[in-house]
Amino acid sequence: MNSYAFTLYINMEEMTDEALTRLYEAGCDDGGVGRSHRVSFIDFDRESGSLTDAIESAIRDVQKAGFQVMKIETEKWATPDA
């Protein structure tokens, strides 16, 4: 397996302990959560068989925690803002 670095921008209004716990318990323990200019994001370093699989599993984990992914960024490509 390889390790893939990417960032997911999510719809988290406030970075509360409860929100961070939900993300961690949903499987986002391999990401660092941050907030800049009222935009929340998670920088992942996820092991997987492919970049696509890593991103898809991270999106599922974010959704499991009750958040939506608004944008995806990698070193190779970025999605447009939703």
C-alpha atoms as a PDB file:
ATOM      1  CA  MET A   1       0.000   0.000   0.000  1.00  0.00           C
ATOM      2  CA  ASN A   2       1.035   3.567  -0.642  1.00  0.00           C
ATOM      3  CA  SER A   3       0.369   6.713   1.338  1.00  0.00           C
ATOM      4  CA  TYR A   4      -1.550   9.501  -0.415  1.00  0.00           C
ATOM      5  CA  ALA A   5      -1.735  13.142   0.657  1.00  0.00           C
ATOM      6  CA  PHE A   6      -4.833  15.187  -0.143  1.00  0.00           C
ATOM      7  CA  THR A   7      -7.136  17.776   1.406  1.00  0.00           C
ATOM      8  CA  LEU A   8     -10.905  17.651   1.804  1.00  0.00           C
ATOM      9  CA  TYR A   9     -12.771  20.906   2.442  1.00  0.00           C
ATOM     10  CA  ILE A  10     -15.869  20.272   4.540  1.00  0.00           C
ATOM     11  CA  ASN A  11     -18.984  22.115   5.706  1.00  0.00           C
ATOM     12  CA  MET A  12     -18.010  22.311   9.394  1.00  0.00           C
ATOM     13  CA  GLU A  13     -19.236  25.683  10.701  1.00  0.00           C
ATOM     14  CA  GLU A  14     -17.372  25.563  14.016  1.00  0.00           C
ATOM     15  CA  MET A  15     -14.439  23.450  15.123  1.00  0.00           C
ATOM     16  CA  THR A  16     -15.923  22.108  18.364  1.00  0.00           C
ATOM     17  CA  ASP A  17     -14.641  19.224  20.463  1.00  0.00           C
ATOM     18  CA  GLU A  18     -17.825  17.321  19.593  1.00  0.00           C
ATOM     19  CA  ALA A  19     -17.276  17.785  15.822  1.00  0.00           C
ATOM     20  CA  LEU A  20     -13.635  16.718  16.076  1.00  0.00           C
ATOM     21  CA  THR A  21     -14.601  13.641  18.108  1.00  0.00           C
ATOM     22  CA  ARG A  22     -17.196  12.653  15.482  1.00  0.00           C
ATOM     23  CA  LEU A  23     -14.566  12.913  12.729  1.00  0.00           C
ATOM     24  CA  TYR A  24     -12.022  10.904  14.715  1.00  0.00           C
ATOM     25  CA  GLU A  25     -14.548   8.185  15.605  1.00  0.00           C
ATOM     26  CA  ALA A  26     -15.723   7.992  11.967  1.00  0.00           C
ATOM     27  CA  GLY A  27     -12.202   7.084  10.822  1.00  0.00           C
ATOM     28  CA  CYS A  28     -10.565  10.444  10.099  1.00  0.00           C
ATOM     29  CA  ASP A  29      -7.782   9.800  12.602  1.00  0.00           C
ATOM     30  CA  ASP A  30      -5.218   9.991   9.781  1.00  0.00           C
ATOM     31  CA  GLY A  31      -6.073  13.605   9.005  1.00  0.00           C
ATOM     32  CA  GLY A  32      -5.279  16.954  10.530  1.00  0.00           C
ATOM     33  CA  VAL A  33      -8.281  19.258  10.856  1.00  0.00           C
ATOM     34  CA  GLY A  34      -7.839  22.986  10.337  1.00  0.00           C
ATOM     35  CA  ARG A  35      -9.778  26.147   9.685  1.00  0.00           C
ATOM     36  CA  SER A  36      -8.690  29.237   7.757  1.00  0.00           C
ATOM     37  CA  HIS A  37     -10.774  32.201   6.624  1.00  0.00           C
ATOM     38  CA  ARG A  38     -13.946  30.457   7.859  1.00  0.00           C
ATOM     39  CA  VAL A  39     -13.206  27.378   5.740  1.00  0.00           C
ATOM     40  CA  SER A  40     -12.734  23.994   7.423  1.00  0.00           C
ATOM     41  CA  PHE A  41     -10.479  21.342   5.935  1.00  0.00           C
ATOM     42  CA  ILE A  42      -8.806  18.034   6.684  1.00  0.00           C
ATOM     43  CA  ASP A  43      -5.303  17.290   5.419  1.00  0.00           C
ATOM     44  CA  PHE A  44      -5.139  13.522   4.987  1.00  0.00           C
ATOM     45  CA  ASP A  45      -2.176  11.197   4.678  1.00  0.00           C
ATOM     46  CA  ARG A  46      -4.054   7.967   3.968  1.00  0.00           C
ATOM     47  CA  GLU A  47      -2.709   4.543   3.066  1.00  0.00           C
ATOM     48  CA  SER A  48      -4.544   2.811   0.263  1.00  0.00           C
ATOM     49  CA  GLY A  49      -4.115   0.900  -2.962  1.00  0.00           C
ATOM     50  CA  SER A  50      -4.727   4.025  -5.055  1.00  0.00           C
ATOM     51  CA  LEU A  51      -5.344   7.747  -4.705  1.00  0.00           C
ATOM     52  CA  THR A  52      -8.948   7.274  -5.805  1.00  0.00           C
ATOM     53  CA  ASP A  53      -9.568   4.613  -3.145  1.00  0.00           C
ATOM     54  CA  ALA A  54      -7.952   6.809  -0.483  1.00  0.00           C
ATOM     55  CA  ILE A  55     -10.122   9.808  -1.369  1.00  0.00           C
ATOM     56  CA  GLU A  56     -13.320   7.763  -1.630  1.00  0.00           C
ATOM     57  CA  SER A  57     -12.773   6.171   1.779  1.00  0.00           C
ATOM     58  CA  ALA A  58     -12.016   9.560   3.354  1.00  0.00           C
ATOM     59  CA  ILE A  59     -15.206  11.034   1.873  1.00  0.00           C
ATOM     60  CA  ARG A  60     -17.215   8.128   3.305  1.00  0.00           C
ATOM     61  CA  ASP A  61     -15.651   8.727   6.730  1.00  0.00           C
ATOM     62  CA  VAL A  62     -16.410  12.463   6.595  1.00  0.00           C
ATOM     63  CA  GLN A  63     -20.016  11.709   5.613  1.00  0.00           C
ATOM     64  CA  LYS A  64     -20.262   9.131   8.420  1.00  0.00           C
ATOM     65  CA  ALA A  65     -19.352  11.949  10.822  1.00  0.00           C
ATOM     66  CA  GLY A  66     -22.239  14.030   9.446  1.00  0.00           C
ATOM     67  CA  PHE A  67     -20.346  16.451   7.201  1.00  0.00           C
ATOM     68  CA  GLN A  68     -20.258  17.085   3.459  1.00  0.00           C
ATOM     69  CA  VAL A  69     -17.167  17.410   1.296  1.00  0.00           C
ATOM     70  CA  MET A  70     -17.231  20.689  -0.616  1.00  0.00           C
ATOM     71  CA  LYS A  71     -13.887  20.451  -2.450  1.00  0.00           C
ATOM     72  CA  ILE A  72     -11.000  18.013  -2.958  1.00  0.00           C
ATOM     73  CA  GLU A  73      -7.374  18.963  -3.528  1.00  0.00           C
ATOM     74  CA  THR A  74      -4.342  16.831  -4.302  1.00  0.00           C
ATOM     75  CA  GLU A  75      -0.948  17.719  -5.677  1.00  0.00           C
ATOM     76  CA  LYS A  76      -2.141  16.550  -9.079  1.00  0.00           C
ATOM     77  CA  TRP A  77      -5.639  18.037  -9.329  1.00  0.00           C
ATOM     78  CA  ALA A  78      -8.387  19.961  -7.585  1.00  0.00           C
ATOM     79  CA  THR A  79     -12.146  19.962  -7.942  1.00  0.00           C
ATOM     80  CA  PRO A  80     -13.966  23.271  -8.478  1.00  0.00           C
ATOM     81  CA  ASP A  81     -15.737  24.837  -5.531  1.00  0.00           C
ATOM     82  CA  ALA A  82     -19.239  23.442  -5.100  1.00  0.00           C
END
